[in-house]
């Protein structure tokens, strides 16, 4: 769980820096991470990390095509 938490915090930090104000797809998040010099393996990894944190209520998963993710605290 520790590795996932670290990835989660990296994702959250980049989205806060990017001032993302709308839900994003895992692929869009992956692109932002890359632009900010953060290396996460794939959009699948982003989706996995955020999906697991959705179980604890920290992330909202918008079940659209494609899925979009939003942090519950209102950022992104």
N, C-alpha and C. Protein backbone atom coordinates (compact mmCIF):
# COMPACT_ATOMS: atom_id res chain seq x y z
N UNK A 1 0.83 -1.20 0.00
CA UNK A 1 0.00 0.00 0.00
C UNK A 1 0.86 1.25 0.00
N UNK A 2 2.05 1.19 0.59
CA UNK A 2 2.91 2.35 0.69
C UNK A 2 3.26 2.92 -0.70
N UNK A 3 3.58 2.04 -1.65
CA UNK A 3 3.93 2.49 -2.99
C UNK A 3 2.74 3.18 -3.63
N UNK A 4 1.56 2.59 -3.50
CA UNK A 4 0.36 3.21 -4.08
C UNK A 4 0.08 4.56 -3.46
N UNK A 5 0.30 4.69 -2.16
CA UNK A 5 0.07 5.98 -1.49
C UNK A 5 1.03 7.02 -2.05
N UNK A 6 2.27 6.62 -2.28
CA UNK A 6 3.25 7.55 -2.84
C UNK A 6 2.83 7.98 -4.25
N UNK A 7 2.40 7.02 -5.06
CA UNK A 7 1.91 7.35 -6.40
C UNK A 7 0.70 8.27 -6.31
N UNK A 8 -0.20 7.97 -5.38
CA UNK A 8 -1.39 8.80 -5.19
C UNK A 8 -1.02 10.23 -4.87
N UNK A 9 -0.07 10.42 -3.96
CA UNK A 9 0.35 11.76 -3.57
C UNK A 9 1.03 12.48 -4.74
N UNK A 10 1.80 11.76 -5.54
CA UNK A 10 2.43 12.36 -6.72
C UNK A 10 1.36 12.83 -7.70
N UNK A 11 0.35 12.01 -7.93
CA UNK A 11 -0.73 12.38 -8.84
C UNK A 11 -1.47 13.61 -8.30
N UNK A 12 -1.82 13.58 -7.03
CA UNK A 12 -2.55 14.71 -6.42
C UNK A 12 -1.73 16.00 -6.53
N UNK A 13 -0.45 15.91 -6.24
CA UNK A 13 0.42 17.08 -6.27
C UNK A 13 0.48 17.70 -7.67
N UNK A 14 0.66 16.87 -8.68
CA UNK A 14 0.74 17.37 -10.06
C UNK A 14 -0.59 18.01 -10.47
N UNK A 15 -1.70 17.39 -10.12
CA UNK A 15 -3.00 17.95 -10.50
C UNK A 15 -3.25 19.28 -9.79
N UNK A 16 -2.76 19.42 -8.56
CA UNK A 16 -2.88 20.69 -7.86
C UNK A 16 -2.01 21.75 -8.54
N UNK A 17 -0.79 21.39 -8.91
CA UNK A 17 0.10 22.32 -9.60
C UNK A 17 -0.48 22.74 -10.95
N UNK A 18 -1.09 21.80 -11.64
CA UNK A 18 -1.65 22.08 -12.97
C UNK A 18 -2.97 22.84 -12.86
N UNK A 19 -3.51 22.92 -11.65
CA UNK A 19 -4.76 23.62 -11.39
C UNK A 19 -5.89 23.06 -12.26
N UNK A 20 -5.93 21.74 -12.35
CA UNK A 20 -6.96 21.06 -13.13
C UNK A 20 -8.31 21.26 -12.44
N UNK A 21 -9.26 21.85 -13.15
CA UNK A 21 -10.54 22.18 -12.53
C UNK A 21 -11.70 21.31 -12.99
N UNK A 22 -11.41 20.30 -13.77
CA UNK A 22 -12.47 19.40 -14.22
C UNK A 22 -11.96 17.97 -14.12
N UNK A 23 -12.88 17.01 -14.07
CA UNK A 23 -12.46 15.60 -14.02
C UNK A 23 -11.64 15.24 -15.26
N UNK A 24 -10.63 14.42 -15.07
CA UNK A 24 -9.73 14.03 -16.15
C UNK A 24 -9.71 12.52 -16.32
N UNK A 25 -9.40 12.08 -17.53
CA UNK A 25 -9.21 10.65 -17.77
C UNK A 25 -7.83 10.24 -17.27
N UNK A 26 -7.63 8.95 -17.11
CA UNK A 26 -6.31 8.45 -16.69
C UNK A 26 -5.25 8.83 -17.71
N UNK A 27 -5.59 8.79 -18.97
CA UNK A 27 -4.62 9.15 -20.03
C UNK A 27 -4.24 10.64 -19.93
N UNK A 28 -5.22 11.50 -19.67
CA UNK A 28 -4.94 12.93 -19.51
C UNK A 28 -4.06 13.18 -18.29
N UNK A 29 -4.36 12.46 -17.21
CA UNK A 29 -3.55 12.59 -15.99
C UNK A 29 -2.14 12.11 -16.25
N UNK A 30 -2.00 11.01 -16.95
CA UNK A 30 -0.68 10.46 -17.29
C UNK A 30 0.13 11.49 -18.10
N UNK A 31 -0.52 12.14 -19.03
CA UNK A 31 0.14 13.17 -19.84
C UNK A 31 0.62 14.33 -18.97
N UNK A 32 -0.22 14.78 -18.03
CA UNK A 32 0.17 15.86 -17.12
C UNK A 32 1.35 15.43 -16.25
N UNK A 33 1.31 14.20 -15.77
CA UNK A 33 2.42 13.70 -14.95
C UNK A 33 3.72 13.75 -15.74
N UNK A 34 3.67 13.31 -16.98
CA UNK A 34 4.85 13.33 -17.85
C UNK A 34 5.36 14.76 -18.05
N UNK A 35 4.45 15.69 -18.29
CA UNK A 35 4.83 17.10 -18.49
C UNK A 35 5.49 17.69 -17.26
N UNK A 36 5.15 17.17 -16.08
CA UNK A 36 5.72 17.67 -14.83
C UNK A 36 6.89 16.82 -14.34
N UNK A 37 7.38 15.93 -15.20
CA UNK A 37 8.56 15.15 -14.86
C UNK A 37 8.31 13.99 -13.92
N UNK A 38 7.06 13.60 -13.75
CA UNK A 38 6.73 12.46 -12.90
C UNK A 38 6.53 11.23 -13.78
N UNK A 39 7.18 10.16 -13.44
CA UNK A 39 7.10 8.94 -14.24
C UNK A 39 6.21 7.92 -13.56
N UNK A 40 5.05 7.71 -14.14
CA UNK A 40 4.17 6.62 -13.70
C UNK A 40 3.99 5.74 -14.93
N UNK A 41 4.08 4.45 -14.74
CA UNK A 41 4.16 3.48 -15.84
C UNK A 41 3.17 3.70 -16.97
N UNK A 42 1.91 3.91 -16.64
CA UNK A 42 0.90 3.92 -17.69
C UNK A 42 -0.40 4.53 -17.18
N UNK A 43 -1.30 4.79 -18.12
CA UNK A 43 -2.64 5.26 -17.75
C UNK A 43 -3.36 4.19 -16.92
N UNK A 44 -3.06 2.93 -17.21
CA UNK A 44 -3.65 1.84 -16.43
C UNK A 44 -3.22 1.94 -14.96
N UNK A 45 -1.96 2.25 -14.73
CA UNK A 45 -1.46 2.40 -13.35
C UNK A 45 -2.17 3.57 -12.66
N UNK A 46 -2.32 4.68 -13.36
CA UNK A 46 -3.03 5.84 -12.81
C UNK A 46 -4.45 5.43 -12.42
N UNK A 47 -5.15 4.74 -13.32
CA UNK A 47 -6.52 4.31 -13.05
C UNK A 47 -6.58 3.36 -11.86
N UNK A 48 -5.61 2.47 -11.75
CA UNK A 48 -5.57 1.53 -10.63
C UNK A 48 -5.39 2.25 -9.31
N UNK A 49 -4.43 3.17 -9.27
CA UNK A 49 -4.16 3.92 -8.03
C UNK A 49 -5.38 4.74 -7.63
N UNK A 50 -5.96 5.47 -8.58
CA UNK A 50 -7.10 6.32 -8.25
C UNK A 50 -8.34 5.49 -7.92
N UNK A 51 -8.52 4.37 -8.61
CA UNK A 51 -9.64 3.49 -8.30
C UNK A 51 -9.57 2.93 -6.90
N UNK A 52 -8.41 2.58 -6.46
CA UNK A 52 -8.25 2.07 -5.09
C UNK A 52 -8.54 3.15 -4.06
N UNK A 53 -8.17 4.38 -4.36
CA UNK A 53 -8.44 5.47 -3.41
C UNK A 53 -9.90 5.91 -3.48
N UNK A 54 -10.58 5.55 -4.53
CA UNK A 54 -12.02 5.82 -4.60
C UNK A 54 -12.76 4.99 -3.55
N UNK A 55 -12.21 3.81 -3.24
CA UNK A 55 -12.83 2.95 -2.23
C UNK A 55 -12.84 3.61 -0.85
N UNK A 56 -11.86 4.48 -0.59
CA UNK A 56 -11.81 5.16 0.70
C UNK A 56 -12.48 6.52 0.66
N UNK A 57 -13.00 6.91 -0.51
CA UNK A 57 -13.73 8.16 -0.62
C UNK A 57 -12.89 9.37 -0.99
N UNK A 58 -11.61 9.18 -1.25
CA UNK A 58 -10.74 10.31 -1.58
C UNK A 58 -10.87 10.75 -3.03
N UNK A 59 -11.35 9.84 -3.88
CA UNK A 59 -11.46 10.10 -5.31
C UNK A 59 -12.86 9.69 -5.77
N UNK A 60 -13.43 10.49 -6.64
CA UNK A 60 -14.70 10.13 -7.27
C UNK A 60 -14.40 9.61 -8.66
N UNK A 61 -14.96 8.46 -8.98
CA UNK A 61 -14.83 7.90 -10.32
C UNK A 61 -16.11 8.20 -11.07
N UNK A 62 -16.00 8.92 -12.15
CA UNK A 62 -17.15 9.25 -12.98
C UNK A 62 -17.20 8.19 -14.08
N UNK A 63 -18.16 7.31 -13.99
CA UNK A 63 -18.24 6.15 -14.87
C UNK A 63 -18.86 6.55 -16.21
N UNK A 64 -18.06 7.17 -16.99
CA UNK A 64 -18.43 7.62 -18.32
C UNK A 64 -17.54 6.87 -19.30
N UNK A 65 -17.59 7.18 -20.54
CA UNK A 65 -16.69 6.58 -21.53
C UNK A 65 -15.77 7.65 -22.07
N UNK A 66 -14.54 7.73 -21.71
CA UNK A 66 -13.84 6.90 -20.73
C UNK A 66 -14.10 7.40 -19.31
N UNK A 67 -13.73 6.56 -18.34
CA UNK A 67 -13.84 6.97 -16.94
C UNK A 67 -13.05 8.24 -16.72
N UNK A 68 -13.56 9.06 -15.81
CA UNK A 68 -12.86 10.29 -15.40
C UNK A 68 -12.73 10.26 -13.88
N UNK A 69 -11.74 11.00 -13.41
CA UNK A 69 -11.42 10.98 -11.98
C UNK A 69 -11.39 12.41 -11.44
N UNK A 70 -11.92 12.54 -10.21
CA UNK A 70 -11.92 13.84 -9.54
C UNK A 70 -11.64 13.59 -8.06
N UNK A 71 -10.77 14.42 -7.48
CA UNK A 71 -10.51 14.32 -6.05
C UNK A 71 -11.71 14.89 -5.31
N UNK A 72 -12.11 14.23 -4.24
CA UNK A 72 -13.32 14.60 -3.51
C UNK A 72 -13.19 15.98 -2.87
N UNK A 73 -11.98 16.41 -2.56
CA UNK A 73 -11.81 17.72 -1.94
C UNK A 73 -12.08 18.86 -2.93
N UNK A 74 -12.51 18.51 -4.14
CA UNK A 74 -12.90 19.52 -5.12
C UNK A 74 -11.80 19.95 -6.06
N UNK A 75 -10.58 19.51 -5.84
CA UNK A 75 -9.48 19.88 -6.72
C UNK A 75 -9.42 18.88 -7.84
N UNK A 76 -9.67 19.32 -9.00
CA UNK A 76 -9.71 18.65 -10.31
C UNK A 76 -11.03 18.01 -10.45
